[in-house]
Amino acid sequence: MSDLYKSMQVSASGMKAQGTRLRIISENIANADSVSQEPGGAPYRRKMVTFGNELNRELGVEKVVVKNIISDKSDFQREYLPGHPAADADGYILRPNVNSLIEMNDMREAQRSYEANLQAIQASKSMLQRTLEILQ
């Protein structure tokens, strides 16, 4: 039974990590059009989540954890808008380095991973319940 409990803990850690990833993706999408209000200022910079493993010594398993939330260092897009408050001396503003199509694909992938972990927990829970029924 302890192996089923361990698998549930590992899946739960995966769900937590993917939940963080979904939150960051949502933040990126929400700020896809956020530009600076200062001339020549930097707009919102896309964020990304990196994952790692962390040993849980009590259970003797490695769990998934969010290792870092990092900024995407790719270039901002430039757009010619001379009347905009954020326009530089040449009339250009900087747009965030967020691509909504990439964010939507990342969101779909994170959602599928979250659901797979949820199904693994449900299967383990079902097996634990059957085991308890047999033991009674």
C-alpha atoms as a PDB file:
ATOM      1  CA  MET A   1       0.000   0.000   0.000  1.00  0.00           C
ATOM      2  CA  SER A   2       2.888   2.350   0.647  1.00  0.00           C
ATOM      3  CA  ASP A   3       3.894   2.187  -3.038  1.00  0.00           C
ATOM      4  CA  LEU A   4       0.440   3.412  -4.038  1.00  0.00           C
ATOM      5  CA  TYR A   5       0.721   6.235  -1.522  1.00  0.00           C
ATOM      6  CA  LYS A   6       4.150   7.136  -2.908  1.00  0.00           C
ATOM      7  CA  SER A   7       2.822   7.194  -6.475  1.00  0.00           C
ATOM      8  CA  MET A   8       0.011   9.503  -5.336  1.00  0.00           C
ATOM      9  CA  GLN A   9       2.557  11.853  -3.745  1.00  0.00           C
ATOM     10  CA  VAL A  10       4.672  11.941  -6.905  1.00  0.00           C
ATOM     11  CA  SER A  11       1.603  12.637  -9.053  1.00  0.00           C
ATOM     12  CA  ALA A  12       0.447  15.345  -6.642  1.00  0.00           C
ATOM     13  CA  SER A  13       3.841  17.040  -6.920  1.00  0.00           C
ATOM     14  CA  GLY A  14       3.491  16.934 -10.710  1.00  0.00           C
ATOM     15  CA  MET A  15       0.055  18.536 -10.462  1.00  0.00           C
ATOM     16  CA  LYS A  16       1.419  21.286  -8.231  1.00  0.00           C
ATOM     17  CA  ALA A  17       4.297  21.986 -10.643  1.00  0.00           C
ATOM     18  CA  GLN A  18       1.961  22.077 -13.657  1.00  0.00           C
ATOM     19  CA  GLY A  19      -0.400  24.359 -11.722  1.00  0.00           C
ATOM     20  CA  THR A  20       2.462  26.823 -11.287  1.00  0.00           C
ATOM     21  CA  ARG A  21       3.277  26.505 -14.981  1.00  0.00           C
ATOM     22  CA  LEU A  22      -0.365  27.260 -15.873  1.00  0.00           C
ATOM     23  CA  ARG A  23      -0.305  30.346 -13.636  1.00  0.00           C
ATOM     24  CA  ILE A  24       2.851  31.668 -15.328  1.00  0.00           C
ATOM     25  CA  ILE A  25       1.429  30.984 -18.805  1.00  0.00           C
ATOM     26  CA  SER A  26      -1.752  32.843 -17.838  1.00  0.00           C
ATOM     27  CA  GLU A  27       0.358  35.772 -16.649  1.00  0.00           C
ATOM     28  CA  ASN A  28       2.206  35.795 -19.980  1.00  0.00           C
ATOM     29  CA  ILE A  29      -1.052  35.802 -21.957  1.00  0.00           C
ATOM     30  CA  ALA A  30      -2.528  38.549 -19.774  1.00  0.00           C
ATOM     31  CA  ASN A  31       0.530  40.741 -20.410  1.00  0.00           C
ATOM     32  CA  ALA A  32       0.954  39.986 -24.127  1.00  0.00           C
ATOM     33  CA  ASP A  33       0.070  43.590 -24.997  1.00  0.00           C
ATOM     34  CA  SER A  34       1.607  45.331 -21.964  1.00  0.00           C
ATOM     35  CA  VAL A  35       4.049  48.018 -23.037  1.00  0.00           C
ATOM     36  CA  SER A  36       5.998  50.539 -21.017  1.00  0.00           C
ATOM     37  CA  GLN A  37       4.503  53.956 -20.426  1.00  0.00           C
ATOM     38  CA  GLU A  38       7.933  55.584 -20.421  1.00  0.00           C
ATOM     39  CA  PRO A  39       9.698  56.561 -23.635  1.00  0.00           C
ATOM     40  CA  GLY A  40      12.101  53.776 -24.600  1.00  0.00           C
ATOM     41  CA  GLY A  41      11.055  51.710 -21.559  1.00  0.00           C
ATOM     42  CA  ALA A  42      11.032  47.928 -21.501  1.00  0.00           C
ATOM     43  CA  PRO A  43       7.706  46.074 -21.814  1.00  0.00           C
ATOM     44  CA  TYR A  44       6.632  42.916 -20.028  1.00  0.00           C
ATOM     45  CA  ARG A  45       9.153  40.090 -20.468  1.00  0.00           C
ATOM     46  CA  ARG A  46       7.846  36.542 -20.930  1.00  0.00           C
ATOM     47  CA  LYS A  47       8.423  34.127 -18.063  1.00  0.00           C
ATOM     48  CA  MET A  48       9.107  30.398 -18.243  1.00  0.00           C
ATOM     49  CA  VAL A  49       9.086  27.602 -15.670  1.00  0.00           C
ATOM     50  CA  THR A  50      11.871  25.070 -15.263  1.00  0.00           C
ATOM     51  CA  PHE A  51      11.364  21.814 -13.392  1.00  0.00           C
ATOM     52  CA  GLY A  52      13.630  19.681 -11.284  1.00  0.00           C
ATOM     53  CA  ASN A  53      13.559  16.640  -9.009  1.00  0.00           C
ATOM     54  CA  GLU A  54      13.681  16.772  -5.255  1.00  0.00           C
ATOM     55  CA  LEU A  55      14.275  13.724  -3.094  1.00  0.00           C
ATOM     56  CA  ASN A  56      11.699  13.242  -0.374  1.00  0.00           C
ATOM     57  CA  ARG A  57      13.739  11.248   2.142  1.00  0.00           C
ATOM     58  CA  GLU A  58      10.705  10.411   4.270  1.00  0.00           C
ATOM     59  CA  LEU A  59       8.976   8.642   1.368  1.00  0.00           C
ATOM     60  CA  GLY A  60      12.097   7.613  -0.507  1.00  0.00           C
ATOM     61  CA  VAL A  61      10.878   9.063  -3.813  1.00  0.00           C
ATOM     62  CA  GLU A  62      11.810  11.926  -6.079  1.00  0.00           C
ATOM     63  CA  LYS A  63       9.118  14.538  -6.517  1.00  0.00           C
ATOM     64  CA  VAL A  64       8.718  17.080  -9.288  1.00  0.00           C
ATOM     65  CA  VAL A  65       9.332  20.660  -8.191  1.00  0.00           C
ATOM     66  CA  VAL A  66       9.453  24.046  -9.855  1.00  0.00           C
ATOM     67  CA  LYS A  67      13.169  24.719 -10.031  1.00  0.00           C
ATOM     68  CA  ASN A  68      13.043  28.303 -11.308  1.00  0.00           C
ATOM     69  CA  ILE A  69      10.820  30.873 -12.926  1.00  0.00           C
ATOM     70  CA  ILE A  70      13.076  32.550 -15.452  1.00  0.00           C
ATOM     71  CA  SER A  71      12.711  35.422 -17.891  1.00  0.00           C
ATOM     72  CA  ASP A  72      12.837  34.740 -21.608  1.00  0.00           C
ATOM     73  CA  LYS A  73      15.840  36.671 -22.914  1.00  0.00           C
ATOM     74  CA  SER A  74      14.622  36.774 -26.518  1.00  0.00           C
ATOM     75  CA  ASP A  75      14.362  40.167 -28.213  1.00  0.00           C
ATOM     76  CA  PHE A  76      11.335  42.382 -27.900  1.00  0.00           C
ATOM     77  CA  GLN A  77       9.367  43.235 -31.018  1.00  0.00           C
ATOM     78  CA  ARG A  78       9.675  46.797 -32.298  1.00  0.00           C
ATOM     79  CA  GLU A  79       6.685  48.661 -33.674  1.00  0.00           C
ATOM     80  CA  TYR A  80       6.599  52.109 -35.244  1.00  0.00           C
ATOM     81  CA  LEU A  81       4.077  54.200 -33.269  1.00  0.00           C
ATOM     82  CA  PRO A  82       5.447  57.757 -33.045  1.00  0.00           C
ATOM     83  CA  GLY A  83       2.491  59.144 -31.040  1.00  0.00           C
ATOM     84  CA  HIS A  84       2.622  56.502 -28.295  1.00  0.00           C
ATOM     85  CA  PRO A  85       3.840  57.647 -24.835  1.00  0.00           C
ATOM     86  CA  ALA A  86       6.404  54.815 -24.797  1.00  0.00           C
ATOM     87  CA  ALA A  87       7.857  55.706 -28.216  1.00  0.00           C
ATOM     88  CA  ASP A  88      11.571  56.354 -28.292  1.00  0.00           C
ATOM     89  CA  ALA A  89      13.211  59.246 -30.159  1.00  0.00           C
ATOM     90  CA  ASP A  90      12.824  57.328 -33.457  1.00  0.00           C
ATOM     91  CA  GLY A  91       9.101  56.690 -32.847  1.00  0.00           C
ATOM     92  CA  TYR A  92       9.378  52.968 -31.982  1.00  0.00           C
ATOM     93  CA  ILE A  93       7.865  51.154 -29.039  1.00  0.00           C
ATOM     94  CA  LEU A  94       8.935  47.780 -27.714  1.00  0.00           C
ATOM     95  CA  ARG A  95       6.321  45.013 -27.535  1.00  0.00           C
ATOM     96  CA  PRO A  96       6.516  42.040 -25.148  1.00  0.00           C
ATOM     97  CA  ASN A  97       8.299  38.901 -26.348  1.00  0.00           C
ATOM     98  CA  VAL A  98       5.103  36.887 -25.775  1.00  0.00           C
ATOM     99  CA  ASN A  99       3.741  34.787 -28.644  1.00  0.00           C
ATOM    100  CA  SER A 100       0.131  33.854 -27.881  1.00  0.00           C
ATOM    101  CA  LEU A 101       0.277  30.736 -30.070  1.00  0.00           C
ATOM    102  CA  ILE A 102       3.261  29.384 -28.139  1.00  0.00           C
ATOM    103  CA  GLU A 103       1.563  30.199 -24.838  1.00  0.00           C
ATOM    104  CA  MET A 104      -1.634  28.413 -25.886  1.00  0.00           C
ATOM    105  CA  ASN A 105       0.351  25.317 -26.937  1.00  0.00           C
ATOM    106  CA  ASP A 106       2.274  25.384 -23.645  1.00  0.00           C
ATOM    107  CA  MET A 107      -1.014  25.742 -21.789  1.00  0.00           C
ATOM    108  CA  ARG A 108      -2.506  22.743 -23.582  1.00  0.00           C
ATOM    109  CA  GLU A 109       0.584  20.663 -22.780  1.00  0.00           C
ATOM    110  CA  ALA A 110       0.522  21.679 -19.098  1.00  0.00           C
ATOM    111  CA  GLN A 111      -3.191  20.922 -18.892  1.00  0.00           C
ATOM    112  CA  ARG A 112      -2.676  17.440 -20.356  1.00  0.00           C
ATOM    113  CA  SER A 113       0.135  16.727 -17.921  1.00  0.00           C
ATOM    114  CA  TYR A 114      -2.005  17.941 -15.019  1.00  0.00           C
ATOM    115  CA  GLU A 115      -4.870  15.686 -16.133  1.00  0.00           C
ATOM    116  CA  ALA A 116      -2.552  12.677 -16.537  1.00  0.00           C
ATOM    117  CA  ASN A 117      -1.292  13.147 -12.983  1.00  0.00           C
ATOM    118  CA  LEU A 118      -4.871  13.472 -11.739  1.00  0.00           C
ATOM    119  CA  GLN A 119      -5.822  10.214 -13.466  1.00  0.00           C
ATOM    120  CA  ALA A 120      -2.812   8.474 -11.881  1.00  0.00           C
ATOM    121  CA  ILE A 121      -3.942   9.665  -8.439  1.00  0.00           C
ATOM    122  CA  GLN A 122      -7.476   8.472  -9.091  1.00  0.00           C
ATOM    123  CA  ALA A 123      -6.208   5.046 -10.191  1.00  0.00           C
ATOM    124  CA  SER A 124      -4.023   4.737  -7.084  1.00  0.00           C
ATOM    125  CA  LYS A 125      -6.916   5.814  -4.877  1.00  0.00           C
ATOM    126  CA  SER A 126      -9.156   3.214  -6.487  1.00  0.00           C
ATOM    127  CA  MET A 127      -6.551   0.489  -5.944  1.00  0.00           C
ATOM    128  CA  LEU A 128      -6.147   1.509  -2.291  1.00  0.00           C
ATOM    129  CA  GLN A 129      -9.909   1.328  -1.779  1.00  0.00           C
ATOM    130  CA  ARG A 130     -10.074  -2.141  -3.356  1.00  0.00           C
ATOM    131  CA  THR A 131      -7.189  -3.300  -1.191  1.00  0.00           C
ATOM    132  CA  LEU A 132      -8.956  -2.091   1.951  1.00  0.00           C
ATOM    133  CA  GLU A 133     -12.169  -3.828   0.865  1.00  0.00           C
ATOM    134  CA  ILE A 134     -10.276  -7.102   0.389  1.00  0.00           C
ATOM    135  CA  LEU A 135      -8.650  -6.796   3.820  1.00  0.00           C
ATOM    136  CA  GLN A 136     -11.968  -6.318   5.607  1.00  0.00           C
END
